């Protein structure tokens, strides 16, 4: 019987879970072109209860959607603990221009910051979104070392905007990769295989990323 990639090592299992979560964040951001990064903070003593934070952020995005006309839009957010004793704040990404004044009205708990990413000349919106994804995935991985209440997600997204899964079948890895390249419109920019991982104990695996 195959052992899971983490085997019986809790530290390795946690690291694998962190990698999976970070990949999902990057994929969601790129798929939805989330190229604007924002921060929500609290005034006063701050917010120290993760459940109340999630209530506040859920209300924020509902209010923001209403202020923008009511149509759903893609977003992703990640909580982070302050280095000081101020509690929690929020990093988020969206893929459209939103006036700062509307963000302030929807939040109402303190300070806000929003910016459009400015990558090198010639970069596409997807390139900008990839930068946002890397930025937010850093906080997701960091959350695996932070205080966390069981049952609470490490990040949250708008429902209905998940990348669609495409299942491919073939006799060999080469066959499946050829099908994937055709579906994606070209060869991947980066490929990783489990053959490269020292001590890999799971089934053979391949990871590929397209530009």
Protein backbone atom coordinates (compact mmCIF):
# COMPACT_ATOMS: atom_id res chain seq x y z
CA UNK A 1 0.00 0.00 0.00
CA UNK A 2 1.31 3.46 -0.89
CA UNK A 3 1.97 5.83 1.95
CA UNK A 4 0.81 9.43 1.76
CA UNK A 5 3.48 12.01 0.81
CA UNK A 6 3.68 13.07 4.43
CA UNK A 7 4.06 9.50 5.70
CA UNK A 8 4.04 9.52 9.50
CA UNK A 9 5.94 12.79 9.81
CA UNK A 10 3.64 15.61 11.05
CA UNK A 11 6.11 18.30 10.01
CA UNK A 12 6.34 16.96 6.48
CA UNK A 13 2.55 16.57 6.27
CA UNK A 14 2.13 20.17 7.34
CA UNK A 15 4.62 21.35 4.73
CA UNK A 16 2.84 19.38 1.99
CA UNK A 17 -0.50 20.86 3.07
CA UNK A 18 1.01 24.34 3.00
CA UNK A 19 2.30 23.79 -0.54
CA UNK A 20 -1.09 22.55 -1.73
CA UNK A 21 -2.88 25.54 -0.20
CA UNK A 22 -0.37 27.98 -1.71
CA UNK A 23 -0.78 26.41 -5.18
CA UNK A 24 -4.57 26.74 -4.95
CA UNK A 25 -4.24 30.42 -4.03
CA UNK A 26 -1.92 31.13 -6.95
CA UNK A 27 -4.16 29.22 -9.36
CA UNK A 28 -7.33 31.03 -8.24
CA UNK A 29 -5.67 34.44 -8.53
CA UNK A 30 -4.28 33.73 -12.01
CA UNK A 31 -7.52 32.20 -13.28
CA UNK A 32 -9.57 35.21 -12.18
CA UNK A 33 -6.94 37.85 -13.02
CA UNK A 34 -6.87 39.18 -9.45
CA UNK A 35 -4.28 41.90 -9.97
CA UNK A 36 -5.18 44.42 -7.27
CA UNK A 37 -4.00 43.90 -3.69
CA UNK A 38 -5.66 45.41 -0.65
CA UNK A 39 -5.31 45.43 3.13
CA UNK A 40 -7.98 45.84 5.82
CA UNK A 41 -6.93 46.77 9.35
CA UNK A 42 -8.72 47.61 12.60
CA UNK A 43 -8.61 50.80 14.59
CA UNK A 44 -8.21 50.80 18.35
CA UNK A 45 -7.32 47.55 20.10
CA UNK A 46 -7.81 45.52 16.92
CA UNK A 47 -9.58 42.21 16.31
CA UNK A 48 -8.31 39.13 18.16
CA UNK A 49 -11.09 36.62 17.52
CA UNK A 50 -10.67 34.78 14.17
CA UNK A 51 -14.39 33.93 14.03
CA UNK A 52 -15.42 37.56 14.44
CA UNK A 53 -12.85 38.52 11.81
CA UNK A 54 -14.52 36.20 9.32
CA UNK A 55 -17.91 37.67 10.16
CA UNK A 56 -16.53 41.17 9.55
CA UNK A 57 -14.89 40.24 6.24
CA UNK A 58 -17.95 38.38 4.97
CA UNK A 59 -20.05 41.48 5.70
CA UNK A 60 -17.41 43.65 4.02
CA UNK A 61 -17.59 41.76 0.73
CA UNK A 62 -21.41 41.64 0.84
CA UNK A 63 -21.53 45.41 1.36
CA UNK A 64 -18.91 46.00 -1.31
CA UNK A 65 -20.86 43.91 -3.82
CA UNK A 66 -24.01 45.92 -3.07
CA UNK A 67 -22.13 49.22 -3.47
CA UNK A 68 -20.83 48.00 -6.85
CA UNK A 69 -24.30 47.21 -8.16
CA UNK A 70 -24.95 43.72 -6.78
CA UNK A 71 -23.13 41.56 -9.35
CA UNK A 72 -20.86 38.85 -7.88
CA UNK A 73 -17.13 39.28 -8.41
CA UNK A 74 -14.06 37.16 -7.70
CA UNK A 75 -11.91 37.83 -4.66
CA UNK A 76 -9.57 36.03 -2.31
CA UNK A 77 -8.53 37.01 1.20
CA UNK A 78 -6.06 35.79 3.81
CA UNK A 79 -5.90 36.70 7.51
CA UNK A 80 -2.62 37.54 9.18
CA UNK A 81 -1.68 38.15 12.80
CA UNK A 82 0.07 41.43 13.54
CA UNK A 83 3.62 41.16 14.79
CA UNK A 84 2.54 43.33 17.72
CA UNK A 85 -0.45 42.63 19.98
CA UNK A 86 -2.93 44.38 17.66
CA UNK A 87 -4.60 41.15 16.58
CA UNK A 88 -5.57 40.30 13.00
CA UNK A 89 -5.67 42.12 9.70
CA UNK A 90 -6.63 41.01 6.19
CA UNK A 91 -4.86 40.85 2.82
CA UNK A 92 -7.14 40.52 -0.20
CA UNK A 93 -7.07 40.56 -3.99
CA UNK A 94 -9.67 41.60 -6.57
CA UNK A 95 -9.57 41.80 -10.35
CA UNK A 96 -11.30 45.11 -11.04
CA UNK A 97 -10.99 48.77 -10.20
CA UNK A 98 -12.83 49.67 -7.00
CA UNK A 99 -12.75 53.26 -5.71
CA UNK A 100 -11.00 53.51 -2.37
CA UNK A 101 -13.97 55.42 -0.98
CA UNK A 102 -16.27 52.44 -1.58
CA UNK A 103 -13.84 50.10 0.14
CA UNK A 104 -13.73 52.41 3.15
CA UNK A 105 -17.53 52.57 3.29
CA UNK A 106 -17.87 48.79 3.05
CA UNK A 107 -15.21 48.09 5.70
CA UNK A 108 -15.91 50.66 8.39
CA UNK A 109 -13.68 49.06 11.03
CA UNK A 110 -10.49 50.99 10.42
CA UNK A 111 -7.98 51.61 7.66
CA UNK A 112 -7.84 50.31 4.10
CA UNK A 113 -5.21 50.17 1.37
CA UNK A 114 -5.60 49.12 -2.27
CA UNK A 115 -3.14 49.15 -5.17
CA UNK A 116 -2.83 47.91 -8.74
CA UNK A 117 0.33 45.85 -9.16
CA UNK A 118 2.94 47.35 -11.48
CA UNK A 119 5.10 44.57 -12.96
CA UNK A 120 7.74 45.20 -15.66
CA UNK A 121 6.70 46.72 -18.97
CA UNK A 122 4.94 44.29 -21.28
CA UNK A 123 3.44 42.17 -18.49
CA UNK A 124 -0.13 40.97 -18.94
CA UNK A 125 -3.01 41.05 -16.47
CA UNK A 126 -2.36 37.38 -15.84
CA UNK A 127 1.27 38.21 -15.00
CA UNK A 128 0.04 40.81 -12.51
CA UNK A 129 -2.36 38.26 -11.01
CA UNK A 130 0.45 35.74 -10.65
CA UNK A 131 2.39 38.29 -8.61
CA UNK A 132 -0.66 38.81 -6.40
CA UNK A 133 -1.03 35.04 -6.04
CA UNK A 134 2.58 34.64 -4.95
CA UNK A 135 2.17 37.47 -2.47
CA UNK A 136 -0.98 36.02 -0.89
CA UNK A 137 0.29 32.44 -0.95
CA UNK A 138 3.19 33.60 1.20
CA UNK A 139 0.72 34.55 3.91
CA UNK A 140 -1.17 31.27 3.52
CA UNK A 141 2.03 29.30 4.08
CA UNK A 142 2.89 31.56 7.00
CA UNK A 143 -0.50 30.74 8.56
CA UNK A 144 0.59 27.11 9.04
CA UNK A 145 2.92 28.38 11.77
CA UNK A 146 0.38 30.75 13.34
CA UNK A 147 -2.48 30.40 15.80
CA UNK A 148 -5.49 28.75 14.19
CA UNK A 149 -8.87 27.49 15.32
CA UNK A 150 -9.82 24.07 13.98
CA UNK A 151 -12.49 24.23 11.29
CA UNK A 152 -11.55 27.70 10.02
CA UNK A 153 -10.07 27.96 6.53
CA UNK A 154 -6.65 29.51 6.05
CA UNK A 155 -8.02 31.62 3.21
CA UNK A 156 -11.44 32.37 1.69
CA UNK A 157 -12.61 32.96 -1.89
CA UNK A 158 -15.75 34.11 -3.69
CA UNK A 159 -17.77 31.05 -4.63
CA UNK A 160 -18.55 30.36 -8.27
CA UNK A 161 -15.17 31.44 -9.63
CA UNK A 162 -13.09 28.31 -9.06
CA UNK A 163 -10.91 27.15 -11.98
CA UNK A 164 -12.63 24.35 -13.86
CA UNK A 165 -10.99 20.94 -13.52
CA UNK A 166 -10.19 19.11 -16.77
CA UNK A 167 -9.59 15.37 -16.43
CA UNK A 168 -7.24 13.76 -18.94
CA UNK A 169 -6.51 10.06 -19.38
CA UNK A 170 -3.63 8.29 -21.09
CA UNK A 171 -1.37 5.26 -20.94
CA UNK A 172 1.78 7.23 -20.19
CA UNK A 173 2.81 10.52 -18.61
CA UNK A 174 3.98 11.69 -22.02
CA UNK A 175 0.55 10.99 -23.50
CA UNK A 176 -1.26 12.95 -20.78
CA UNK A 177 1.22 15.84 -20.96
CA UNK A 178 0.71 16.05 -24.74
CA UNK A 179 -3.05 16.26 -24.21
CA UNK A 180 -2.55 18.94 -21.54
CA UNK A 181 -0.30 20.98 -23.85
CA UNK A 182 -2.94 20.84 -26.58
CA UNK A 183 -5.70 21.88 -24.15
CA UNK A 184 -3.61 24.77 -22.79
CA UNK A 185 -2.46 25.95 -26.21
CA UNK A 186 1.24 25.22 -25.85
CA UNK A 187 3.97 23.65 -23.77
CA UNK A 188 4.21 24.35 -20.02
CA UNK A 189 6.67 26.93 -18.77
CA UNK A 190 7.68 24.76 -15.83
CA UNK A 191 7.39 21.04 -15.02
CA UNK A 192 8.13 19.15 -11.80
CA UNK A 193 8.00 15.38 -11.32
CA UNK A 194 8.11 13.31 -8.16
CA UNK A 195 11.24 11.62 -9.56
CA UNK A 196 13.06 14.82 -8.58
CA UNK A 197 11.96 14.60 -4.93
CA UNK A 198 14.30 12.74 -2.62
CA UNK A 199 12.38 10.33 -0.42
CA UNK A 200 9.06 10.74 -2.26
CA UNK A 201 6.70 8.06 -0.87
CA UNK A 202 3.47 8.78 -2.71
CA UNK A 203 2.34 7.63 -6.16
CA UNK A 204 4.18 9.10 -9.19
CA UNK A 205 3.18 12.74 -9.68
CA UNK A 206 3.71 15.52 -12.21
CA UNK A 207 3.09 19.25 -11.72
CA UNK A 208 3.15 21.69 -14.62
CA UNK A 209 2.57 25.43 -14.95
CA UNK A 210 1.57 27.26 -18.11
CA UNK A 211 2.31 30.91 -18.90
